[in-house]
Amino acid sequence: MKKNNWMRLTVRILLLLAGLTVAHLGVTLFLQSSLGSDPFNVLVQGLYRSVPWPGWMSHGRVHLLVCLLIVLVLLFVDRSYVRIGTLLCMALGGPIIDLWSIPLAPLFNEGMSLAARLPALVFGCAILAFGMTVVIRSGAGTGPNDLVAVVISDKAKKPFGAVRVAVDLSFALIGWLLGGIVGLGTLVCAGLVGPCAQLFMPVSGRICDACLKKFGENQKT
């Protein structure tokens, strides 16, 4: 029985990693469009610019610190939401974006028009939303910034899509007030990712359930 539980956890983690890889493909497309950062990174950017950090604190380290603070808060609110996948998302998000940047960078250049950049932004947000829902539905955990919307949605019994929009707009507003830069991409991301995630959530749930069911059937034979 214990072996079966460990194997099911392995399948959940593999689903999470697949979703994380897809989600960060979307993030990379979003960033390569050069139309603004996503709302969470606007918040991090604002904190990085407004707080007199010591010299060794880079933007990336501030990002990690904010993620850790969110995880610590959620451990007090309801520790059941913080799982091993949360730590994997924190550790692997940046490296996955770096890997995707290598093949995608040649597709973009500084002279590209808005008409050429906007589809990459919108497509990137849609891919991000789909990958994010697979991560959430895997049941192994999710990214710290996504957890905020997940917890509020569950506790308040409100649709995830609407909560995600509210959370993203809050991140963007606070970040902007602290000195972060809000671009067209930030606003598109804040308005698009939540509704897309709400749309993809049932499909992602069926995919994850089917994988776990197939695994269970294989274990019985």
N, C-alpha and C. Protein backbone atom coordinates (compact mmCIF):
# COMPACT_ATOMS: atom_id res chain seq x y z
N MET A 1 0.84 -1.20 0.00
CA MET A 1 0.00 0.00 0.00
C MET A 1 0.88 1.25 0.00
N LYS A 2 1.94 1.22 0.85
CA LYS A 2 2.85 2.36 0.94
C LYS A 2 3.55 2.59 -0.40
N LYS A 3 3.94 1.49 -1.06
CA LYS A 3 4.58 1.62 -2.36
C LYS A 3 3.63 2.26 -3.36
N ASN A 4 2.36 1.88 -3.33
CA ASN A 4 1.36 2.44 -4.23
C ASN A 4 1.23 3.95 -4.01
N ASN A 5 1.23 4.38 -2.74
CA ASN A 5 1.13 5.81 -2.43
C ASN A 5 2.33 6.58 -2.97
N TRP A 6 3.51 6.01 -2.82
CA TRP A 6 4.72 6.66 -3.33
C TRP A 6 4.68 6.77 -4.85
N MET A 7 4.17 5.74 -5.50
CA MET A 7 4.10 5.77 -6.95
C MET A 7 3.08 6.80 -7.43
N ARG A 8 1.96 6.91 -6.71
CA ARG A 8 0.95 7.91 -7.08
C ARG A 8 1.51 9.32 -6.89
N LEU A 9 2.29 9.52 -5.82
CA LEU A 9 2.94 10.81 -5.62
C LEU A 9 3.90 11.11 -6.76
N THR A 10 4.60 10.06 -7.22
CA THR A 10 5.53 10.24 -8.35
C THR A 10 4.80 10.69 -9.60
N VAL A 11 3.63 10.07 -9.86
CA VAL A 11 2.84 10.46 -11.03
C VAL A 11 2.36 11.90 -10.89
N ARG A 12 1.93 12.28 -9.70
CA ARG A 12 1.48 13.66 -9.47
C ARG A 12 2.61 14.66 -9.71
N ILE A 13 3.80 14.31 -9.24
CA ILE A 13 4.95 15.21 -9.43
C ILE A 13 5.32 15.31 -10.91
N LEU A 14 5.24 14.18 -11.63
CA LEU A 14 5.53 14.21 -13.07
C LEU A 14 4.51 15.08 -13.81
N LEU A 15 3.24 14.99 -13.41
CA LEU A 15 2.22 15.85 -14.00
C LEU A 15 2.52 17.32 -13.69
N LEU A 16 2.90 17.58 -12.46
CA LEU A 16 3.26 18.96 -12.08
C LEU A 16 4.42 19.48 -12.92
N LEU A 17 5.44 18.66 -13.08
CA LEU A 17 6.61 19.09 -13.87
C LEU A 17 6.24 19.33 -15.32
N ALA A 18 5.35 18.49 -15.87
CA ALA A 18 4.90 18.71 -17.25
C ALA A 18 4.14 20.03 -17.36
N GLY A 19 3.23 20.26 -16.40
CA GLY A 19 2.48 21.51 -16.41
C GLY A 19 3.38 22.71 -16.22
N LEU A 20 4.36 22.58 -15.33
CA LEU A 20 5.31 23.68 -15.08
C LEU A 20 6.10 24.00 -16.34
N THR A 21 6.51 22.98 -17.07
CA THR A 21 7.27 23.19 -18.31
C THR A 21 6.42 23.92 -19.35
N VAL A 22 5.16 23.50 -19.48
CA VAL A 22 4.25 24.17 -20.42
C VAL A 22 3.97 25.60 -19.98
N ALA A 23 3.70 25.79 -18.69
CA ALA A 23 3.39 27.13 -18.17
C ALA A 23 4.54 28.09 -18.42
N HIS A 24 5.76 27.61 -18.24
CA HIS A 24 6.91 28.51 -18.41
C HIS A 24 7.30 28.70 -19.87
N LEU A 25 6.80 27.83 -20.74
CA LEU A 25 6.87 28.14 -22.17
C LEU A 25 6.03 29.39 -22.43
N GLY A 26 4.83 29.42 -21.84
CA GLY A 26 3.97 30.60 -21.97
C GLY A 26 4.61 31.84 -21.37
N VAL A 27 5.21 31.69 -20.18
CA VAL A 27 5.88 32.83 -19.55
C VAL A 27 7.00 33.36 -20.43
N THR A 28 7.77 32.45 -21.04
CA THR A 28 8.89 32.86 -21.88
C THR A 28 8.40 33.60 -23.12
N LEU A 29 7.33 33.09 -23.75
CA LEU A 29 6.74 33.80 -24.89
C LEU A 29 6.26 35.19 -24.47
N PHE A 30 5.63 35.24 -23.31
CA PHE A 30 5.15 36.50 -22.74
C PHE A 30 6.30 37.48 -22.58
N LEU A 31 7.39 37.02 -21.97
CA LEU A 31 8.53 37.90 -21.71
C LEU A 31 9.24 38.31 -23.00
N GLN A 32 9.34 37.38 -23.96
CA GLN A 32 10.01 37.68 -25.22
C GLN A 32 9.25 38.71 -26.04
N SER A 33 7.96 38.85 -25.79
CA SER A 33 7.19 39.85 -26.53
C SER A 33 7.58 41.27 -26.12
N SER A 34 8.25 41.40 -24.96
CA SER A 34 8.75 42.70 -24.47
C SER A 34 7.64 43.74 -24.32
N LEU A 35 6.47 43.30 -23.89
CA LEU A 35 5.35 44.22 -23.70
C LEU A 35 5.02 44.43 -22.23
N GLY A 36 5.93 44.06 -21.36
CA GLY A 36 5.72 44.25 -19.93
C GLY A 36 5.81 42.95 -19.17
N SER A 37 6.10 43.05 -17.91
CA SER A 37 6.24 41.86 -17.07
C SER A 37 4.88 41.42 -16.54
N ASP A 38 4.81 40.17 -16.05
CA ASP A 38 3.56 39.69 -15.46
C ASP A 38 3.34 40.37 -14.12
N PRO A 39 2.10 40.40 -13.61
CA PRO A 39 1.77 41.15 -12.39
C PRO A 39 2.63 40.80 -11.18
N PHE A 40 2.91 39.51 -10.98
CA PHE A 40 3.71 39.12 -9.81
C PHE A 40 5.11 39.70 -9.90
N ASN A 41 5.69 39.69 -11.09
CA ASN A 41 7.04 40.23 -11.24
C ASN A 41 7.06 41.75 -11.16
N VAL A 42 5.94 42.40 -11.48
CA VAL A 42 5.84 43.84 -11.25
C VAL A 42 5.91 44.13 -9.75
N LEU A 43 5.24 43.29 -8.96
CA LEU A 43 5.32 43.42 -7.51
C LEU A 43 6.75 43.24 -7.02
N VAL A 44 7.41 42.19 -7.51
CA VAL A 44 8.80 41.94 -7.11
C VAL A 44 9.70 43.10 -7.55
N GLN A 45 9.48 43.58 -8.76
CA GLN A 45 10.28 44.70 -9.27
C GLN A 45 10.09 45.94 -8.40
N GLY A 46 8.85 46.21 -8.01
CA GLY A 46 8.59 47.35 -7.14
C GLY A 46 9.27 47.23 -5.80
N LEU A 47 9.22 46.04 -5.21
CA LEU A 47 9.90 45.81 -3.94
C LEU A 47 11.41 45.96 -4.09
N TYR A 48 11.94 45.45 -5.20
CA TYR A 48 13.39 45.51 -5.43
C TYR A 48 13.86 46.96 -5.57
N ARG A 49 13.02 47.79 -6.20
CA ARG A 49 13.39 49.18 -6.43
C ARG A 49 13.18 50.08 -5.22
N SER A 50 12.20 49.75 -4.38
CA SER A 50 11.82 50.66 -3.30
C SER A 50 12.49 50.36 -1.97
N VAL A 51 12.99 49.15 -1.79
CA VAL A 51 13.60 48.76 -0.52
C VAL A 51 15.13 48.85 -0.65
N PRO A 52 15.81 49.43 0.34
CA PRO A 52 17.28 49.52 0.28
C PRO A 52 17.94 48.18 0.63
N TRP A 53 17.89 47.25 -0.30
CA TRP A 53 18.46 45.93 -0.08
C TRP A 53 19.99 46.00 -0.04
N PRO A 54 20.64 45.08 0.65
CA PRO A 54 22.11 45.00 0.57
C PRO A 54 22.55 44.64 -0.84
N GLY A 55 23.79 44.93 -1.18
CA GLY A 55 24.29 44.76 -2.54
C GLY A 55 24.17 43.36 -3.10
N TRP A 56 24.20 42.35 -2.22
CA TRP A 56 24.17 40.97 -2.71
C TRP A 56 22.76 40.50 -3.06
N MET A 57 21.74 41.32 -2.77
CA MET A 57 20.36 40.94 -3.08
C MET A 57 20.01 41.34 -4.51
N SER A 58 19.96 40.35 -5.39
CA SER A 58 19.58 40.59 -6.78
C SER A 58 18.06 40.54 -6.92
N HIS A 59 17.59 40.90 -8.12
CA HIS A 59 16.15 40.82 -8.41
C HIS A 59 15.65 39.39 -8.22
N GLY A 60 16.43 38.43 -8.69
CA GLY A 60 16.04 37.03 -8.57
C GLY A 60 15.94 36.58 -7.12
N ARG A 61 16.84 37.08 -6.27
CA ARG A 61 16.81 36.71 -4.85
C ARG A 61 15.62 37.35 -4.14
N VAL A 62 15.27 38.56 -4.56
CA VAL A 62 14.08 39.20 -3.99
C VAL A 62 12.84 38.40 -4.39
N HIS A 63 12.80 37.94 -5.65
CA HIS A 63 11.70 37.09 -6.13
C HIS A 63 11.57 35.85 -5.26
N LEU A 64 12.70 35.20 -4.99
CA LEU A 64 12.69 33.99 -4.15
C LEU A 64 12.24 34.33 -2.74
N LEU A 65 12.69 35.46 -2.21
CA LEU A 65 12.31 35.87 -0.86
C LEU A 65 10.80 36.09 -0.75
N VAL A 66 10.22 36.77 -1.75
CA VAL A 66 8.78 37.00 -1.74
C VAL A 66 8.02 35.67 -1.79
N CYS A 67 8.49 34.75 -2.62
CA CYS A 67 7.87 33.42 -2.69
C CYS A 67 7.93 32.72 -1.34
N LEU A 68 9.08 32.79 -0.69
CA LEU A 68 9.24 32.16 0.62
C LEU A 68 8.30 32.78 1.66
N LEU A 69 8.16 34.10 1.62
CA LEU A 69 7.26 34.78 2.56
C LEU A 69 5.81 34.34 2.34
N ILE A 70 5.41 34.20 1.06
CA ILE A 70 4.05 33.73 0.76
C ILE A 70 3.85 32.32 1.31
N VAL A 71 4.85 31.46 1.11
CA VAL A 71 4.75 30.09 1.61
C VAL A 71 4.65 30.08 3.13
N LEU A 72 5.44 30.91 3.81
CA LEU A 72 5.40 30.96 5.27
C LEU A 72 4.03 31.42 5.77
N VAL A 73 3.46 32.44 5.12
CA VAL A 73 2.13 32.92 5.51
C VAL A 73 1.10 31.82 5.33
N LEU A 74 1.18 31.11 4.20
CA LEU A 74 0.20 30.06 3.92
C LEU A 74 0.37 28.86 4.84
N LEU A 75 1.57 28.65 5.35
CA LEU A 75 1.76 27.59 6.33
C LEU A 75 0.96 27.87 7.61
N PHE A 76 0.80 29.15 7.94
CA PHE A 76 0.00 29.52 9.10
C PHE A 76 -1.49 29.51 8.78
N VAL A 77 -1.85 29.90 7.53
CA VAL A 77 -3.26 29.95 7.14
C VAL A 77 -3.83 28.54 7.00
N ASP A 78 -3.18 27.71 6.21
CA ASP A 78 -3.61 26.34 5.99
C ASP A 78 -2.47 25.58 5.33
N ARG A 79 -1.72 24.86 6.13
CA ARG A 79 -0.50 24.22 5.62
C ARG A 79 -0.78 23.11 4.60
N SER A 80 -2.04 22.66 4.49
CA SER A 80 -2.36 21.60 3.54
C SER A 80 -2.16 22.05 2.10
N TYR A 81 -2.15 23.37 1.85
CA TYR A 81 -1.98 23.88 0.49
C TYR A 81 -0.51 23.87 0.06
N VAL A 82 0.39 23.88 1.02
CA VAL A 82 1.83 23.94 0.70
C VAL A 82 2.37 22.51 0.64
N ARG A 83 2.76 22.09 -0.56
CA ARG A 83 3.21 20.72 -0.76
C ARG A 83 4.57 20.71 -1.44
N ILE A 84 5.07 19.51 -1.68
CA ILE A 84 6.40 19.38 -2.26
C ILE A 84 6.49 20.08 -3.62
N GLY A 85 5.39 20.07 -4.37
CA GLY A 85 5.39 20.72 -5.68
C GLY A 85 5.61 22.22 -5.59
N THR A 86 5.21 22.83 -4.47
CA THR A 86 5.43 24.26 -4.29
C THR A 86 6.93 24.56 -4.29
N LEU A 87 7.69 23.73 -3.60
CA LEU A 87 9.14 23.91 -3.56
C LEU A 87 9.76 23.64 -4.92
N LEU A 88 9.23 22.66 -5.65
CA LEU A 88 9.74 22.37 -7.00
C LEU A 88 9.48 23.56 -7.93
N CYS A 89 8.30 24.15 -7.82
CA CYS A 89 7.99 25.32 -8.66
C CYS A 89 8.96 26.46 -8.37
N MET A 90 9.26 26.67 -7.11
CA MET A 90 10.18 27.74 -6.73
C MET A 90 11.59 27.47 -7.26
N ALA A 91 12.01 26.21 -7.18
CA ALA A 91 13.39 25.87 -7.55
C ALA A 91 13.59 25.79 -9.07
N LEU A 92 12.56 25.36 -9.80
CA LEU A 92 12.74 25.04 -11.21
C LEU A 92 12.19 26.09 -12.17
N GLY A 93 11.37 27.03 -11.68
CA GLY A 93 10.75 28.02 -12.56
C GLY A 93 11.76 28.81 -13.37
N GLY A 94 12.73 29.41 -12.70
CA GLY A 94 13.75 30.21 -13.38
C GLY A 94 14.56 29.42 -14.39
N PRO A 95 15.13 28.26 -14.00
CA PRO A 95 15.89 27.45 -14.96
C PRO A 95 15.08 27.02 -16.18
N ILE A 96 13.78 26.72 -16.00
CA ILE A 96 12.96 26.32 -17.15
C ILE A 96 12.78 27.48 -18.11
N ILE A 97 12.57 28.69 -17.58
CA ILE A 97 12.45 29.87 -18.43
C ILE A 97 13.75 30.09 -19.21
N ASP A 98 14.89 29.91 -18.53
CA ASP A 98 16.18 30.08 -19.21
C ASP A 98 16.33 29.08 -20.36
N LEU A 99 15.87 27.84 -20.13
CA LEU A 99 15.97 26.82 -21.18
C LEU A 99 15.08 27.16 -22.37
N TRP A 100 13.85 27.62 -22.10
CA TRP A 100 12.95 27.98 -23.19
C TRP A 100 13.45 29.22 -23.94
N SER A 101 14.16 30.10 -23.27
CA SER A 101 14.62 31.34 -23.90
C SER A 101 15.59 31.07 -25.04
N ILE A 102 16.35 30.00 -24.94
CA ILE A 102 17.36 29.71 -25.96
C ILE A 102 16.74 29.49 -27.34
N PRO A 103 15.74 28.58 -27.49
CA PRO A 103 15.15 28.40 -28.82
C PRO A 103 14.19 29.52 -29.24
N LEU A 104 13.60 30.23 -28.25
CA LEU A 104 12.59 31.24 -28.60
C LEU A 104 13.18 32.61 -28.90
N ALA A 105 14.34 32.92 -28.34
CA ALA A 105 14.93 34.25 -28.51
C ALA A 105 15.11 34.65 -29.98
N PRO A 106 15.58 33.74 -30.87
CA PRO A 106 15.77 34.13 -32.27
C PRO A 106 14.47 34.51 -33.00
N LEU A 107 13.32 34.16 -32.43
CA LEU A 107 12.04 34.46 -33.09
C LEU A 107 11.63 35.91 -32.90
N PHE A 108 12.30 36.62 -31.99
CA PHE A 108 11.91 38.00 -31.67
C PHE A 108 13.08 38.94 -31.90
N ASN A 109 12.78 40.17 -32.27
CA ASN A 109 13.81 41.20 -32.42
C ASN A 109 13.23 42.55 -32.01
N GLU A 110 14.11 43.49 -31.76
CA GLU A 110 13.69 44.79 -31.23
C GLU A 110 12.82 45.58 -32.21
N GLY A 111 12.95 45.29 -33.50
CA GLY A 111 12.19 46.05 -34.49
C GLY A 111 10.80 45.52 -34.76
N MET A 112 10.39 44.46 -34.06
CA MET A 112 9.07 43.89 -34.32
C MET A 112 7.97 44.86 -33.92
N SER A 113 6.92 44.91 -34.72
CA SER A 113 5.81 45.81 -34.46
C SER A 113 4.92 45.26 -33.35
N LEU A 114 4.04 46.11 -32.83
CA LEU A 114 3.09 45.68 -31.81
C LEU A 114 2.19 44.57 -32.34
N ALA A 115 1.81 44.67 -33.62
CA ALA A 115 0.95 43.66 -34.23
C ALA A 115 1.62 42.29 -34.24
N ALA A 116 2.95 42.27 -34.29
CA ALA A 116 3.67 41.00 -34.28
C ALA A 116 3.90 40.50 -32.86
N ARG A 117 4.05 41.44 -31.92
CA ARG A 117 4.33 41.06 -30.54
C ARG A 117 3.07 40.63 -29.79
N LEU A 118 1.95 41.24 -30.11
CA LEU A 118 0.72 40.99 -29.36
C LEU A 118 0.26 39.54 -29.43
N PRO A 119 0.29 38.89 -30.61
CA PRO A 119 -0.11 37.47 -30.63
C PRO A 119 0.76 36.59 -29.74
N ALA A 120 2.07 36.90 -29.69
CA ALA A 120 2.96 36.12 -28.82
C ALA A 120 2.58 36.31 -27.35
N LEU A 121 2.21 37.54 -27.01
CA LEU A 121 1.78 37.84 -25.65
C LEU A 121 0.50 37.08 -25.30
N VAL A 122 -0.50 37.17 -26.16
CA VAL A 122 -1.79 36.52 -25.89
C VAL A 122 -1.64 35.00 -25.87
N PHE A 123 -0.92 34.46 -26.86
CA PHE A 123 -0.70 33.02 -26.94
C PHE A 123 0.09 32.56 -25.71
N GLY A 124 1.08 33.36 -25.31
CA GLY A 124 1.87 33.01 -24.13
C GLY A 124 1.02 32.96 -22.88
N CYS A 125 0.11 33.92 -22.72
CA CYS A 125 -0.78 33.94 -21.55
C CYS A 125 -1.70 32.72 -21.53
N ALA A 126 -2.20 32.33 -22.71
CA ALA A 126 -3.08 31.17 -22.79
C ALA A 126 -2.32 29.89 -22.42
N ILE A 127 -1.09 29.75 -22.95
CA ILE A 127 -0.27 28.57 -22.63
C ILE A 127 0.07 28.56 -21.14
N LEU A 128 0.40 29.72 -20.61
CA LEU A 128 0.68 29.84 -19.18
C LEU A 128 -0.51 29.36 -18.36
N ALA A 129 -1.71 29.79 -18.74
CA ALA A 129 -2.92 29.42 -17.99
C ALA A 129 -3.15 27.91 -18.04
N PHE A 130 -2.95 27.30 -19.22
CA PHE A 130 -3.17 25.86 -19.33
C PHE A 130 -2.16 25.09 -18.48
N GLY A 131 -0.89 25.43 -18.61
CA GLY A 131 0.13 24.74 -17.82
C GLY A 131 -0.10 24.92 -16.33
N MET A 132 -0.51 26.12 -15.94
CA MET A 132 -0.77 26.42 -14.53
C MET A 132 -1.90 25.54 -13.98
N THR A 133 -2.95 25.31 -14.79
CA THR A 133 -4.06 24.48 -14.31
C THR A 133 -3.66 23.02 -14.18
N VAL A 134 -2.76 22.56 -15.06
CA VAL A 134 -2.25 21.19 -14.92
C VAL A 134 -1.47 21.07 -13.61
N VAL A 135 -0.66 22.08 -13.32
CA VAL A 135 0.10 22.09 -12.07
C VAL A 135 -0.86 22.03 -10.87
N ILE A 136 -1.89 22.86 -10.89
CA ILE A 136 -2.85 22.89 -9.79
C ILE A 136 -3.59 21.56 -9.66
N ARG A 137 -4.06 21.03 -10.79
CA ARG A 137 -4.85 19.80 -10.78
C ARG A 137 -4.02 18.55 -10.48
N SER A 138 -2.69 18.66 -10.61
CA SER A 138 -1.84 17.51 -10.30
C SER A 138 -1.97 17.11 -8.83
N GLY A 139 -2.30 18.08 -7.99
CA GLY A 139 -2.44 17.80 -6.56
C GLY A 139 -1.13 17.68 -5.83
N ALA A 140 -0.02 17.99 -6.51
CA ALA A 140 1.30 17.90 -5.88
C ALA A 140 1.77 19.25 -5.34
N GLY A 141 0.98 20.31 -5.60
CA GLY A 141 1.39 21.64 -5.18
C GLY A 141 1.33 22.60 -6.36
N THR A 142 1.61 23.87 -6.11
CA THR A 142 1.61 24.85 -7.19
C THR A 142 2.55 25.99 -6.84
N GLY A 143 2.76 26.90 -7.78
CA GLY A 143 3.65 28.02 -7.54
C GLY A 143 3.13 28.91 -6.42
N PRO A 144 4.04 29.54 -5.64
CA PRO A 144 3.61 30.37 -4.50
C PRO A 144 2.66 31.49 -4.89
N ASN A 145 2.90 32.16 -6.02
CA ASN A 145 1.99 33.25 -6.42
C ASN A 145 0.62 32.71 -6.84
N ASP A 146 0.59 31.54 -7.48
CA ASP A 146 -0.69 30.92 -7.83
C ASP A 146 -1.44 30.47 -6.59
N LEU A 147 -0.70 30.07 -5.55
CA LEU A 147 -1.33 29.60 -4.32
C LEU A 147 -2.22 30.65 -3.69
N VAL A 148 -1.83 31.92 -3.82
CA VAL A 148 -2.64 32.99 -3.24
C VAL A 148 -4.05 32.94 -3.81
N ALA A 149 -4.15 32.83 -5.13
CA ALA A 149 -5.47 32.76 -5.77
C ALA A 149 -6.19 31.46 -5.43
N VAL A 150 -5.46 30.36 -5.36
CA VAL A 150 -6.07 29.06 -5.04
C VAL A 150 -6.68 29.09 -3.65
N VAL A 151 -5.92 29.59 -2.67
CA VAL A 151 -6.40 29.61 -1.29
C VAL A 151 -7.61 30.54 -1.14
N ILE A 152 -7.52 31.75 -1.71
CA ILE A 152 -8.64 32.69 -1.61
C ILE A 152 -9.88 32.12 -2.29
N SER A 153 -9.70 31.51 -3.46
CA SER A 153 -10.83 30.92 -4.18
C SER A 153 -11.51 29.83 -3.36
N ASP A 154 -10.70 28.96 -2.76
CA ASP A 154 -11.26 27.86 -1.96
C ASP A 154 -11.92 28.37 -0.69
N LYS A 155 -11.25 29.26 0.02
CA LYS A 155 -11.76 29.74 1.31
C LYS A 155 -13.01 30.60 1.13
N ALA A 156 -13.02 31.44 0.09
CA ALA A 156 -14.15 32.35 -0.13
C ALA A 156 -15.24 31.73 -0.99
N LYS A 157 -14.99 30.51 -1.53
CA LYS A 157 -15.95 29.83 -2.40
C LYS A 157 -16.31 30.69 -3.62
N LYS A 158 -15.28 31.27 -4.23
CA LYS A 158 -15.47 32.12 -5.40
C LYS A 158 -14.79 31.48 -6.61
N PRO A 159 -15.28 31.78 -7.84
CA PRO A 159 -14.66 31.20 -9.04
C PRO A 159 -13.18 31.57 -9.14
N PHE A 160 -12.35 30.59 -9.48
CA PHE A 160 -10.91 30.81 -9.52
C PHE A 160 -10.54 31.92 -10.50
N GLY A 161 -11.20 31.94 -11.68
CA GLY A 161 -10.84 32.93 -12.70
C GLY A 161 -10.97 34.36 -12.21
N ALA A 162 -12.10 34.66 -11.54
CA ALA A 162 -12.32 36.01 -11.03
C ALA A 162 -11.34 36.35 -9.92
N VAL A 163 -11.06 35.39 -9.05
CA VAL A 163 -10.11 35.62 -7.96
C VAL A 163 -8.71 35.87 -8.52
N ARG A 164 -8.34 35.10 -9.54
CA ARG A 164 -7.01 35.27 -10.14
C ARG A 164 -6.87 36.67 -10.74
N VAL A 165 -7.89 37.16 -11.42
CA VAL A 165 -7.85 38.51 -11.98
C VAL A 165 -7.66 39.53 -10.86
N ALA A 166 -8.42 39.39 -9.77
CA ALA A 166 -8.32 40.33 -8.65
C ALA A 166 -6.93 40.30 -8.02
N VAL A 167 -6.39 39.09 -7.86
CA VAL A 167 -5.04 38.96 -7.27
C VAL A 167 -3.99 39.58 -8.18
N ASP A 168 -4.07 39.29 -9.49
CA ASP A 168 -3.10 39.84 -10.43
C ASP A 168 -3.16 41.37 -10.47
N LEU A 169 -4.37 41.92 -10.49
CA LEU A 169 -4.51 43.38 -10.50
C LEU A 169 -3.96 43.98 -9.21
N SER A 170 -4.15 43.29 -8.09
CA SER A 170 -3.60 43.77 -6.82
C SER A 170 -2.08 43.75 -6.84
N PHE A 171 -1.50 42.66 -7.33
CA PHE A 171 -0.04 42.58 -7.46
C PHE A 171 0.49 43.73 -8.32
N ALA A 172 -0.17 43.94 -9.47
CA ALA A 172 0.28 44.98 -10.40
C ALA A 172 0.16 46.37 -9.78
N LEU A 173 -0.94 46.63 -9.09
CA LEU A 173 -1.16 47.95 -8.49
C LEU A 173 -0.14 48.23 -7.39
N ILE A 174 0.06 47.25 -6.50
CA ILE A 174 1.04 47.44 -5.42
C ILE A 174 2.44 47.62 -5.99
N GLY A 175 2.79 46.78 -6.98
CA GLY A 175 4.10 46.90 -7.61
C GLY A 175 4.30 48.24 -8.28
N TRP A 176 3.26 48.73 -8.96
CA TRP A 176 3.34 50.04 -9.63
C TRP A 176 3.51 51.17 -8.62
N LEU A 177 2.79 51.11 -7.51
CA LEU A 177 2.91 52.12 -6.46
C LEU A 177 4.31 52.12 -5.83
N LEU A 178 4.96 50.95 -5.85
CA LEU A 178 6.31 50.84 -5.29
C LEU A 178 7.40 51.18 -6.30
N GLY A 179 7.00 51.41 -7.56
CA GLY A 179 7.98 51.79 -8.56
C GLY A 179 8.18 50.78 -9.67
N GLY A 180 7.40 49.71 -9.68
CA GLY A 180 7.49 48.74 -10.78
C GLY A 180 6.86 49.29 -12.04
N ILE A 181 7.21 48.69 -13.17
CA ILE A 181 6.73 49.17 -14.47
C ILE A 181 5.57 48.29 -14.94
N VAL A 182 4.43 48.92 -15.16
CA VAL A 182 3.24 48.22 -15.68
C VAL A 182 3.13 48.51 -17.17
N GLY A 183 3.18 47.46 -17.98
CA GLY A 183 3.07 47.62 -19.42
C GLY A 183 1.79 47.00 -19.95
N LEU A 184 1.63 47.06 -21.26
CA LEU A 184 0.46 46.46 -21.89
C LEU A 184 0.37 44.97 -21.56
N GLY A 185 1.52 44.31 -21.57
CA GLY A 185 1.54 42.89 -21.26
C GLY A 185 1.06 42.58 -19.86
N THR A 186 1.37 43.46 -18.92
CA THR A 186 0.92 43.27 -17.54
C THR A 186 -0.60 43.28 -17.47
N LEU A 187 -1.21 44.23 -18.17
CA LEU A 187 -2.67 44.35 -18.14
C LEU A 187 -3.34 43.19 -18.87
N VAL A 188 -2.76 42.78 -20.01
CA VAL A 188 -3.31 41.64 -20.75
C VAL A 188 -3.22 40.38 -19.89
N CYS A 189 -2.08 40.19 -19.24
CA CYS A 189 -1.89 39.02 -18.39
C CYS A 189 -2.89 39.01 -17.24
N ALA A 190 -3.06 40.17 -16.60
CA ALA A 190 -3.97 40.26 -15.46
C ALA A 190 -5.41 39.96 -15.86
N GLY A 191 -5.79 40.37 -17.06
CA GLY A 191 -7.16 40.16 -17.50
C GLY A 191 -7.42 38.85 -18.20
N LEU A 192 -6.36 38.19 -18.70
CA LEU A 192 -6.55 37.01 -19.55
C LEU A 192 -6.25 35.70 -18.85
N VAL A 193 -5.22 35.64 -18.01
CA VAL A 193 -4.79 34.37 -17.43
C VAL A 193 -5.88 33.76 -16.55
N GLY A 194 -6.51 34.57 -15.71
CA GLY A 194 -7.55 34.04 -14.83
C GLY A 194 -8.71 33.40 -15.57
N PRO A 195 -9.35 34.13 -16.52
CA PRO A 195 -10.44 33.51 -17.29
C PRO A 195 -10.01 32.28 -18.08
N CYS A 196 -8.80 32.32 -18.66
CA CYS A 196 -8.31 31.15 -19.40
C CYS A 196 -8.12 29.97 -18.46
N ALA A 197 -7.59 30.24 -17.28
CA ALA A 197 -7.40 29.16 -16.31
C ALA A 197 -8.74 28.56 -15.91
N GLN A 198 -9.74 29.40 -15.70
CA GLN A 198 -11.08 28.90 -15.37
C GLN A 198 -11.62 28.01 -16.48
N LEU A 199 -11.33 28.38 -17.73
CA LEU A 199 -11.78 27.61 -18.89
C LEU A 199 -11.06 26.27 -18.98
N PHE A 200 -9.74 26.28 -18.70
CA PHE A 200 -8.93 25.08 -18.86
C PHE A 200 -9.01 24.14 -17.66
N MET A 201 -9.46 24.61 -16.51
CA MET A 201 -9.41 23.82 -15.28
C MET A 201 -10.11 22.47 -15.42
N PRO A 202 -11.33 22.39 -15.98
CA PRO A 202 -11.97 21.06 -16.12
C PRO A 202 -11.17 20.11 -17.03
N VAL A 203 -10.64 20.64 -18.13
CA VAL A 203 -9.86 19.81 -19.06
C VAL A 203 -8.61 19.29 -18.37
N SER A 204 -7.90 20.17 -17.67
CA SER A 204 -6.69 19.76 -16.96
C SER A 204 -7.01 18.73 -15.88
N GLY A 205 -8.16 18.93 -15.22
CA GLY A 205 -8.57 17.97 -14.20
C GLY A 205 -8.80 16.59 -14.78
N ARG A 206 -9.46 16.54 -15.94
CA ARG A 206 -9.71 15.24 -16.59
C ARG A 206 -8.40 14.59 -17.03
N ILE A 207 -7.46 15.38 -17.52
CA ILE A 207 -6.16 14.83 -17.94
C ILE A 207 -5.44 14.22 -16.74
N CYS A 208 -5.38 14.96 -15.64
CA CYS A 208 -4.68 14.47 -14.45
C CYS A 208 -5.40 13.26 -13.85
N ASP A 209 -6.72 13.31 -13.79
CA ASP A 209 -7.48 12.18 -13.25
C ASP A 209 -7.29 10.93 -14.10
N ALA A 210 -7.27 11.11 -15.42
CA ALA A 210 -7.08 9.96 -16.31
C ALA A 210 -5.71 9.33 -16.11
N CYS A 211 -4.68 10.17 -15.95
CA CYS A 211 -3.32 9.64 -15.72
C CYS A 211 -3.26 8.88 -14.41
N LEU A 212 -3.85 9.45 -13.36
CA LEU A 212 -3.83 8.79 -12.06
C LEU A 212 -4.67 7.52 -12.05
N LYS A 213 -5.80 7.54 -12.77
CA LYS A 213 -6.65 6.34 -12.85
C LYS A 213 -5.93 5.23 -13.59
N LYS A 214 -5.28 5.58 -14.67
CA LYS A 214 -4.54 4.58 -15.45
C LYS A 214 -3.43 3.99 -14.60
N PHE A 215 -2.77 4.83 -13.83
CA PHE A 215 -1.72 4.36 -12.94
C PHE A 215 -2.31 3.38 -11.92
N GLY A 216 -3.47 3.72 -11.35
CA GLY A 216 -4.10 2.85 -10.36
C GLY A 216 -4.48 1.51 -10.93
N GLU A 217 -4.99 1.52 -12.17
CA GLU A 217 -5.38 0.27 -12.83
C GLU A 217 -4.15 -0.59 -13.08
N ASN A 218 -3.05 0.06 -13.46
CA ASN A 218 -1.81 -0.71 -13.70
C ASN A 218 -1.30 -1.33 -12.43
N GLN A 219 -1.53 -0.63 -11.29
CA GLN A 219 -1.07 -1.18 -10.04
C GLN A 219 -1.84 -2.43 -9.62
N LYS A 220 -3.13 -2.51 -10.03
CA LYS A 220 -3.95 -3.64 -9.63
C LYS A 220 -3.61 -4.91 -10.41
N THR A 221 -3.10 -4.71 -11.62
CA THR A 221 -2.84 -5.88 -12.46
C THR A 221 -1.53 -6.54 -12.08
